[in-house]
Amino acid sequence: MEVLQPVKEQKANRVINVLAIAIPVAVAVLLGIRQKVDLGNWTSYLPHINGVINSVTSVLLLLGLYFIKQKDIQAHKLTMLTAFTLGSLFLVSYVLYHLTNDSTPYGGQGWIRPVYYFLLISHIVLSVVVVWFVLRAVYFALSGQILKHKQTVKYAYPIWLYVSITGVIVYLMIKPYYLH
């Protein structure tokens, strides 16, 4: 894979900062739309697809760590870019589901209910935070700024892994309450 030529740091930071704000704001606005769009029953399967995407992303993140510890840069790069691509697909699928379907209420009772909401809220908050870190990590890697990439990944990786794994756990916890 060819390394991108570094662009002006200020311009790259501006683009990353705008995206890191625009993506969560756009998702929040789209999720706030109460009038649902009817695209057919197939959209009711999107949460299950999202569960698979998050599961695969979690595995890819762990493989990416393994490959970099083995000093297999090409495998690491391919694995991490695949995880990034899956994260982008997840985002599209998540928004599409919520534009077309009402949110599913969690039906669990007792001690598991606060556990579910703790995981859900921490997952949502950190999924907003991680966008900025992941965009920076990808930019630094693709522009050949490996030291800055490593410094960013120190924070991006554990947050991204947490968001990915808790996405799977939250999905498994709410899965029994989906209508389809």
Protein backbone atom coordinates (compact mmCIF):
# COMPACT_ATOMS: atom_id res chain seq x y z
CA MET A 1 0.00 0.00 0.00
CA GLU A 2 1.38 3.39 -0.96
CA VAL A 3 1.98 5.98 1.75
CA LEU A 4 0.11 9.25 1.26
CA GLN A 5 2.17 12.41 1.12
CA PRO A 6 1.72 14.49 4.25
CA VAL A 7 -0.50 17.51 3.71
CA LYS A 8 -0.35 20.64 5.76
CA GLU A 9 -0.93 19.61 9.34
CA GLN A 10 -3.27 22.52 9.96
CA LYS A 11 -5.54 21.59 7.04
CA ALA A 12 -5.63 17.92 8.03
CA ASN A 13 -6.44 18.82 11.64
CA ARG A 14 -9.23 21.10 10.48
CA VAL A 15 -10.80 18.36 8.35
CA ILE A 16 -10.47 15.80 11.15
CA ASN A 17 -11.95 18.21 13.71
CA VAL A 18 -14.88 19.08 11.45
CA LEU A 19 -15.61 15.41 10.76
CA ALA A 20 -15.26 14.48 14.43
CA ILE A 21 -17.95 17.03 15.26
CA ALA A 22 -20.11 16.70 12.14
CA ILE A 23 -20.48 12.90 12.26
CA PRO A 24 -21.92 12.66 15.81
CA VAL A 25 -24.06 15.77 15.30
CA ALA A 26 -25.45 14.39 12.01
CA VAL A 27 -26.15 11.03 13.68
CA ALA A 28 -27.91 12.75 16.60
CA VAL A 29 -30.02 14.87 14.24
CA LEU A 30 -30.93 11.88 12.10
CA LEU A 31 -31.80 9.82 15.18
CA GLY A 32 -33.98 12.67 16.43
CA ILE A 33 -36.24 12.48 13.40
CA ARG A 34 -39.47 10.95 14.68
CA GLN A 35 -41.09 10.39 11.28
CA LYS A 36 -39.78 7.03 10.10
CA VAL A 37 -39.07 6.28 6.46
CA ASP A 38 -40.57 3.06 5.08
CA LEU A 39 -37.93 1.18 3.09
CA GLY A 40 -39.42 -2.23 3.73
CA ASN A 41 -39.14 -4.94 6.32
CA TRP A 42 -35.52 -5.77 5.44
CA THR A 43 -34.29 -2.89 7.60
CA SER A 44 -35.47 -4.75 10.72
CA TYR A 45 -32.49 -7.09 10.20
CA LEU A 46 -29.93 -4.28 10.38
CA PRO A 47 -29.31 -4.58 14.16
CA HIS A 48 -28.29 -8.20 13.62
CA ILE A 49 -25.97 -7.17 10.79
CA ASN A 50 -24.57 -4.45 13.06
CA GLY A 51 -23.92 -7.06 15.75
CA VAL A 52 -21.90 -9.06 13.22
CA ILE A 53 -20.05 -5.95 12.05
CA ASN A 54 -19.12 -5.04 15.64
CA SER A 55 -18.04 -8.62 16.35
CA VAL A 56 -15.81 -8.76 13.28
CA THR A 57 -14.43 -5.30 14.05
CA SER A 58 -13.51 -6.43 17.58
CA VAL A 59 -11.66 -9.45 16.18
CA LEU A 60 -9.91 -7.26 13.58
CA LEU A 61 -8.78 -4.82 16.25
CA LEU A 62 -7.27 -7.66 18.26
CA LEU A 63 -5.64 -9.07 15.11
CA GLY A 64 -4.29 -5.61 14.25
CA LEU A 65 -2.59 -5.47 17.65
CA TYR A 66 -1.20 -8.98 17.15
CA PHE A 67 0.17 -8.12 13.69
CA ILE A 68 1.89 -4.93 14.83
CA LYS A 69 3.48 -6.77 17.77
CA GLN A 70 4.75 -9.30 15.20
CA LYS A 71 6.08 -6.35 13.15
CA ASP A 72 3.90 -7.39 10.19
CA ILE A 73 3.15 -3.85 9.02
CA GLN A 74 1.25 -4.86 5.87
CA ALA A 75 -1.08 -7.25 7.71
CA HIS A 76 -1.58 -4.63 10.43
CA LYS A 77 -2.41 -1.93 7.89
CA LEU A 78 -4.84 -4.14 5.97
CA THR A 79 -6.52 -5.34 9.17
CA MET A 80 -6.91 -1.86 10.63
CA LEU A 81 -8.17 -0.31 7.38
CA THR A 82 -10.70 -3.14 7.15
CA ALA A 83 -11.80 -2.39 10.73
CA PHE A 84 -12.10 1.31 9.81
CA THR A 85 -14.17 0.44 6.73
CA LEU A 86 -16.45 -1.82 8.78
CA GLY A 87 -16.86 0.98 11.31
CA SER A 88 -17.99 3.26 8.50
CA LEU A 89 -20.43 0.63 7.22
CA PHE A 90 -21.74 0.16 10.75
CA LEU A 91 -22.42 3.88 11.02
CA VAL A 92 -24.42 3.91 7.77
CA SER A 93 -26.36 0.79 8.76
CA TYR A 94 -27.04 2.11 12.28
CA VAL A 95 -28.41 5.41 10.97
CA LEU A 96 -30.46 3.63 8.30
CA TYR A 97 -32.01 1.35 10.93
CA HIS A 98 -32.96 4.24 13.20
CA LEU A 99 -34.37 6.27 10.30
CA THR A 100 -36.66 3.39 9.40
CA ASN A 101 -37.51 1.74 12.74
CA ASP A 102 -38.50 2.82 16.23
CA SER A 103 -35.92 2.19 18.92
CA THR A 104 -36.32 -1.10 20.76
CA PRO A 105 -36.83 -0.64 24.51
CA TYR A 106 -34.73 -2.79 26.78
CA GLY A 107 -36.91 -5.30 28.62
CA GLY A 108 -34.47 -6.65 31.16
CA GLN A 109 -35.34 -6.29 34.86
CA GLY A 110 -33.46 -6.37 38.12
CA TRP A 111 -29.70 -5.89 38.51
CA ILE A 112 -29.05 -6.40 34.77
CA ARG A 113 -30.99 -3.26 33.81
CA PRO A 114 -28.48 -0.74 35.27
CA VAL A 115 -25.63 -2.85 33.85
CA TYR A 116 -27.21 -2.60 30.39
CA TYR A 117 -27.67 1.16 30.66
CA PHE A 118 -24.15 1.69 31.99
CA LEU A 119 -22.74 -0.25 29.02
CA LEU A 120 -25.05 1.50 26.56
CA ILE A 121 -24.32 5.02 27.81
CA SER A 122 -20.55 4.49 28.07
CA HIS A 123 -20.64 2.90 24.59
CA ILE A 124 -22.48 5.90 23.11
CA VAL A 125 -20.33 8.54 24.83
CA LEU A 126 -17.07 6.85 23.88
CA SER A 127 -18.26 6.18 20.32
CA VAL A 128 -18.54 9.96 19.91
CA VAL A 129 -15.09 10.54 21.45
CA VAL A 130 -13.33 7.81 19.47
CA VAL A 131 -14.18 9.31 16.07
CA TRP A 132 -11.58 12.06 16.50
CA PHE A 133 -8.90 9.66 17.70
CA VAL A 134 -9.49 7.09 14.95
CA LEU A 135 -9.52 9.71 12.19
CA ARG A 136 -6.20 11.09 13.49
CA ALA A 137 -4.68 7.61 13.81
CA VAL A 138 -5.66 6.70 10.26
CA TYR A 139 -4.43 10.03 8.88
CA PHE A 140 -1.08 9.76 10.65
CA ALA A 141 -0.59 6.17 9.50
CA LEU A 142 -1.49 6.86 5.87
CA SER A 143 0.65 10.00 5.77
CA GLY A 144 3.65 8.11 7.14
CA GLN A 145 3.74 9.98 10.46
CA ILE A 146 4.30 6.82 12.45
CA LEU A 147 5.41 8.44 15.71
CA LYS A 148 2.25 10.57 15.81
CA HIS A 149 0.25 7.48 14.80
CA LYS A 150 1.67 5.55 17.75
CA GLN A 151 0.98 8.43 20.15
CA THR A 152 -2.63 8.69 18.96
CA VAL A 153 -3.23 4.94 18.99
CA LYS A 154 -2.27 4.87 22.66
CA TYR A 155 -5.71 6.42 23.27
CA ALA A 156 -7.63 5.48 20.12
CA TYR A 157 -7.09 1.73 20.32
CA PRO A 158 -8.43 0.97 23.82
CA ILE A 159 -11.41 3.28 23.33
CA TRP A 160 -12.21 1.80 19.91
CA LEU A 161 -11.88 -1.74 21.24
CA TYR A 162 -14.13 -0.91 24.20
CA VAL A 163 -16.75 0.67 21.92
CA SER A 164 -16.63 -2.29 19.58
CA ILE A 165 -16.89 -4.94 22.29
CA THR A 166 -19.58 -3.11 24.26
CA GLY A 167 -21.50 -2.72 21.01
CA VAL A 168 -21.61 -6.52 20.77
CA ILE A 169 -22.57 -6.92 24.43
CA VAL A 170 -25.33 -4.31 24.23
CA TYR A 171 -26.63 -5.95 21.05
CA LEU A 172 -26.71 -9.39 22.70
CA MET A 173 -28.49 -7.95 25.73
CA ILE A 174 -31.22 -6.24 23.69
CA LYS A 175 -31.52 -8.91 20.97
CA PRO A 176 -34.34 -10.83 22.73
CA TYR A 177 -36.50 -7.69 22.60
CA TYR A 178 -36.33 -7.05 18.85
CA LEU A 179 -39.57 -7.86 17.07
CA HIS A 180 -37.92 -9.72 14.20
